[in-house]
Amino acid sequence: QHIPDDLLLDWRRVELTTPIKQIIGRPGKRAKCEICGEEIINQREVVREGTTLCKPCAGESYFRLPHEYQLDADKYGERGCL
């Protein structure tokens, strides 16, 4: 099976809302978001009511889109998490 690159890959310019040192976290620890299934590394997970979430699913994204870019809610969902 083959998927064209433009369907497989997507990128967007973002602005960090958290200092890079906080984003890096501690190496070695891994978790999995119980909503989107994304692997979460370096102790960046958020636990709410016993549920492990990635920051975007928890509404705590460490980045935002620059003003000139708008998130396509139909494509990415309300949280902006893939």
N, C-alpha and C. Protein backbone atom coordinates (compact mmCIF):
# COMPACT_ATOMS: atom_id res chain seq x y z
N GLN A 1 0.83 -1.18 0.00
CA GLN A 1 0.00 0.00 0.00
C GLN A 1 0.88 1.24 0.00
N HIS A 2 0.42 2.25 -0.68
CA HIS A 2 1.15 3.51 -0.76
C HIS A 2 0.21 4.66 -0.47
N ILE A 3 0.70 5.61 0.30
CA ILE A 3 -0.05 6.82 0.60
C ILE A 3 0.78 8.00 0.11
N PRO A 4 0.19 8.89 -0.69
CA PRO A 4 0.94 10.06 -1.14
C PRO A 4 1.41 10.89 0.06
N ASP A 5 2.61 11.48 -0.07
CA ASP A 5 3.18 12.26 1.02
C ASP A 5 2.24 13.34 1.53
N ASP A 6 1.52 14.01 0.62
CA ASP A 6 0.66 15.11 1.06
C ASP A 6 -0.53 14.63 1.89
N LEU A 7 -0.88 13.36 1.81
CA LEU A 7 -1.93 12.81 2.67
C LEU A 7 -1.36 12.23 3.96
N LEU A 8 -0.13 11.79 3.91
CA LEU A 8 0.51 11.17 5.06
C LEU A 8 1.11 12.20 6.02
N LEU A 9 1.67 13.26 5.46
CA LEU A 9 2.40 14.24 6.27
C LEU A 9 1.71 15.60 6.23
N ASP A 10 1.74 16.28 7.36
CA ASP A 10 1.20 17.63 7.45
C ASP A 10 2.06 18.39 8.44
N TRP A 11 2.29 19.63 8.22
CA TRP A 11 3.06 20.43 9.16
C TRP A 11 2.44 21.81 9.23
N ARG A 12 2.65 22.45 10.35
CA ARG A 12 2.20 23.82 10.55
C ARG A 12 3.23 24.54 11.42
N ARG A 13 3.43 25.79 11.13
CA ARG A 13 4.28 26.62 11.97
C ARG A 13 3.52 26.88 13.27
N VAL A 14 4.19 26.76 14.40
CA VAL A 14 3.55 27.00 15.70
C VAL A 14 4.41 27.93 16.54
N GLU A 15 3.80 28.50 17.56
CA GLU A 15 4.51 29.31 18.55
C GLU A 15 4.43 28.58 19.87
N LEU A 16 5.56 28.42 20.54
CA LEU A 16 5.58 27.74 21.84
C LEU A 16 4.99 28.66 22.90
N THR A 17 4.17 28.08 23.78
CA THR A 17 3.61 28.81 24.91
C THR A 17 4.29 28.41 26.21
N THR A 18 5.18 27.44 26.13
CA THR A 18 5.91 26.90 27.27
C THR A 18 7.40 26.89 26.92
N PRO A 19 8.28 27.26 27.85
CA PRO A 19 9.72 27.22 27.56
C PRO A 19 10.16 25.81 27.14
N ILE A 20 11.10 25.76 26.22
CA ILE A 20 11.56 24.48 25.65
C ILE A 20 12.07 23.53 26.73
N LYS A 21 12.71 24.04 27.78
CA LYS A 21 13.22 23.16 28.85
C LYS A 21 12.08 22.42 29.55
N GLN A 22 10.93 23.05 29.69
CA GLN A 22 9.78 22.38 30.30
C GLN A 22 9.18 21.35 29.35
N ILE A 23 9.23 21.60 28.07
CA ILE A 23 8.68 20.67 27.09
C ILE A 23 9.49 19.39 27.05
N ILE A 24 10.81 19.51 27.16
CA ILE A 24 11.67 18.34 27.06
C ILE A 24 11.40 17.36 28.19
N GLY A 25 11.18 17.84 29.40
CA GLY A 25 10.82 16.96 30.51
C GLY A 25 11.96 16.03 30.92
N ARG A 26 11.59 14.86 31.43
CA ARG A 26 12.57 13.87 31.89
C ARG A 26 12.59 12.68 30.95
N PRO A 27 13.75 12.36 30.40
CA PRO A 27 13.84 11.24 29.46
C PRO A 27 13.50 9.90 30.12
N GLY A 28 12.95 9.02 29.32
CA GLY A 28 12.74 7.65 29.76
C GLY A 28 11.33 7.27 30.12
N LYS A 29 10.51 8.20 30.56
CA LYS A 29 9.14 7.86 30.95
C LYS A 29 8.21 7.99 29.75
N ARG A 30 7.34 6.99 29.58
CA ARG A 30 6.40 7.00 28.47
C ARG A 30 5.00 6.70 28.98
N ALA A 31 4.02 7.29 28.31
CA ALA A 31 2.62 7.03 28.62
C ALA A 31 1.85 7.08 27.29
N LYS A 32 0.58 6.76 27.32
CA LYS A 32 -0.25 6.80 26.12
C LYS A 32 -1.53 7.55 26.44
N CYS A 33 -1.90 8.50 25.58
CA CYS A 33 -3.13 9.27 25.77
C CYS A 33 -4.32 8.34 25.59
N GLU A 34 -5.23 8.35 26.56
CA GLU A 34 -6.39 7.47 26.51
C GLU A 34 -7.49 7.99 25.59
N ILE A 35 -7.33 9.20 25.05
CA ILE A 35 -8.32 9.72 24.10
C ILE A 35 -7.85 9.53 22.66
N CYS A 36 -6.67 10.06 22.32
CA CYS A 36 -6.23 10.00 20.92
C CYS A 36 -5.23 8.89 20.64
N GLY A 37 -4.67 8.28 21.70
CA GLY A 37 -3.72 7.19 21.52
C GLY A 37 -2.29 7.62 21.28
N GLU A 38 -2.03 8.93 21.29
CA GLU A 38 -0.67 9.42 21.06
C GLU A 38 0.27 8.98 22.17
N GLU A 39 1.49 8.58 21.80
CA GLU A 39 2.51 8.25 22.80
C GLU A 39 3.01 9.56 23.41
N ILE A 40 3.08 9.59 24.73
CA ILE A 40 3.53 10.77 25.46
C ILE A 40 4.85 10.41 26.11
N ILE A 41 5.89 11.20 25.82
CA ILE A 41 7.20 10.89 26.38
C ILE A 41 7.63 11.97 27.37
N ASN A 42 8.60 11.63 28.19
CA ASN A 42 9.28 12.58 29.07
C ASN A 42 8.39 13.23 30.12
N GLN A 43 7.45 12.49 30.66
CA GLN A 43 6.57 12.95 31.74
C GLN A 43 5.76 14.19 31.38
N ARG A 44 5.28 14.25 30.15
CA ARG A 44 4.46 15.39 29.73
C ARG A 44 2.97 15.07 29.78
N GLU A 45 2.60 13.90 30.30
CA GLU A 45 1.19 13.55 30.36
C GLU A 45 0.46 14.35 31.44
N VAL A 46 -0.85 14.44 31.29
CA VAL A 46 -1.72 15.08 32.27
C VAL A 46 -2.69 14.01 32.74
N VAL A 47 -2.86 13.85 34.04
CA VAL A 47 -3.81 12.86 34.56
C VAL A 47 -4.99 13.61 35.15
N ARG A 48 -6.19 13.35 34.60
CA ARG A 48 -7.42 13.97 35.08
C ARG A 48 -8.40 12.88 35.45
N GLU A 49 -8.82 12.86 36.69
CA GLU A 49 -9.78 11.88 37.19
C GLU A 49 -9.35 10.46 36.82
N GLY A 50 -8.04 10.20 36.95
CA GLY A 50 -7.51 8.87 36.68
C GLY A 50 -7.29 8.55 35.21
N THR A 51 -7.53 9.51 34.32
CA THR A 51 -7.37 9.30 32.88
C THR A 51 -6.10 10.00 32.41
N THR A 52 -5.23 9.27 31.70
CA THR A 52 -3.99 9.83 31.18
C THR A 52 -4.26 10.49 29.84
N LEU A 53 -3.87 11.77 29.72
CA LEU A 53 -4.13 12.55 28.51
C LEU A 53 -2.85 13.23 28.02
N CYS A 54 -2.76 13.44 26.71
CA CYS A 54 -1.71 14.30 26.17
C CYS A 54 -2.16 15.74 26.42
N LYS A 55 -1.24 16.67 26.36
CA LYS A 55 -1.59 18.06 26.66
C LYS A 55 -2.67 18.62 25.72
N PRO A 56 -2.62 18.38 24.41
CA PRO A 56 -3.71 18.90 23.57
C PRO A 56 -5.09 18.34 23.96
N CYS A 57 -5.18 17.06 24.27
CA CYS A 57 -6.47 16.48 24.66
C CYS A 57 -6.93 17.02 26.01
N ALA A 58 -5.99 17.43 26.86
CA ALA A 58 -6.32 18.01 28.17
C ALA A 58 -6.59 19.51 28.07
N GLY A 59 -6.48 20.05 26.85
CA GLY A 59 -6.69 21.48 26.67
C GLY A 59 -5.53 22.32 27.15
N GLU A 60 -4.35 21.71 27.27
CA GLU A 60 -3.16 22.40 27.79
C GLU A 60 -2.02 22.36 26.79
N SER A 61 -2.30 22.57 25.55
CA SER A 61 -1.27 22.48 24.52
C SER A 61 -0.10 23.40 24.84
N TYR A 62 1.12 22.95 24.55
CA TYR A 62 2.32 23.75 24.79
C TYR A 62 2.67 24.61 23.58
N PHE A 63 1.76 24.67 22.61
CA PHE A 63 1.97 25.51 21.44
C PHE A 63 0.64 26.10 21.01
N ARG A 64 0.72 27.12 20.17
CA ARG A 64 -0.48 27.69 19.56
C ARG A 64 -0.13 28.01 18.11
N LEU A 65 -1.15 28.10 17.30
CA LEU A 65 -0.94 28.48 15.91
C LEU A 65 -0.75 29.98 15.83
N PRO A 66 0.18 30.44 15.01
CA PRO A 66 0.32 31.88 14.82
C PRO A 66 -0.98 32.46 14.28
N HIS A 67 -1.17 33.73 14.48
CA HIS A 67 -2.42 34.39 14.09
C HIS A 67 -2.80 34.13 12.63
N GLU A 68 -1.82 34.05 11.75
CA GLU A 68 -2.13 33.90 10.32
C GLU A 68 -2.63 32.50 9.95
N TYR A 69 -2.52 31.54 10.86
CA TYR A 69 -3.00 30.18 10.61
C TYR A 69 -4.25 29.94 11.45
N GLN A 70 -5.22 29.27 10.89
CA GLN A 70 -6.42 28.92 11.63
C GLN A 70 -6.54 27.41 11.66
N LEU A 71 -6.89 26.86 12.80
CA LEU A 71 -7.05 25.42 12.93
C LEU A 71 -8.33 24.99 12.24
N ASP A 72 -8.27 24.00 11.39
CA ASP A 72 -9.42 23.46 10.68
C ASP A 72 -10.09 22.43 11.59
N ALA A 73 -11.14 22.83 12.31
CA ALA A 73 -11.79 21.95 13.28
C ALA A 73 -12.36 20.70 12.63
N ASP A 74 -12.78 20.80 11.37
CA ASP A 74 -13.31 19.61 10.69
C ASP A 74 -12.22 18.57 10.48
N LYS A 75 -10.99 19.02 10.25
CA LYS A 75 -9.89 18.11 9.98
C LYS A 75 -9.24 17.59 11.26
N TYR A 76 -9.09 18.46 12.26
CA TYR A 76 -8.32 18.11 13.45
C TYR A 76 -9.14 17.94 14.72
N GLY A 77 -10.41 18.25 14.69
CA GLY A 77 -11.23 18.16 15.91
C GLY A 77 -11.09 19.43 16.73
N GLU A 78 -11.94 19.56 17.71
CA GLU A 78 -11.98 20.78 18.50
C GLU A 78 -10.72 21.02 19.30
N ARG A 79 -10.05 19.97 19.76
CA ARG A 79 -8.85 20.13 20.59
C ARG A 79 -7.61 20.41 19.77
N GLY A 80 -7.65 20.15 18.47
CA GLY A 80 -6.47 20.32 17.66
C GLY A 80 -5.52 19.15 17.75
N CYS A 81 -5.94 18.08 18.34
CA CYS A 81 -5.11 16.89 18.49
C CYS A 81 -5.45 15.92 17.37
N LEU A 82 -4.45 15.37 16.73
CA LEU A 82 -4.70 14.43 15.63
C LEU A 82 -5.26 13.13 16.12
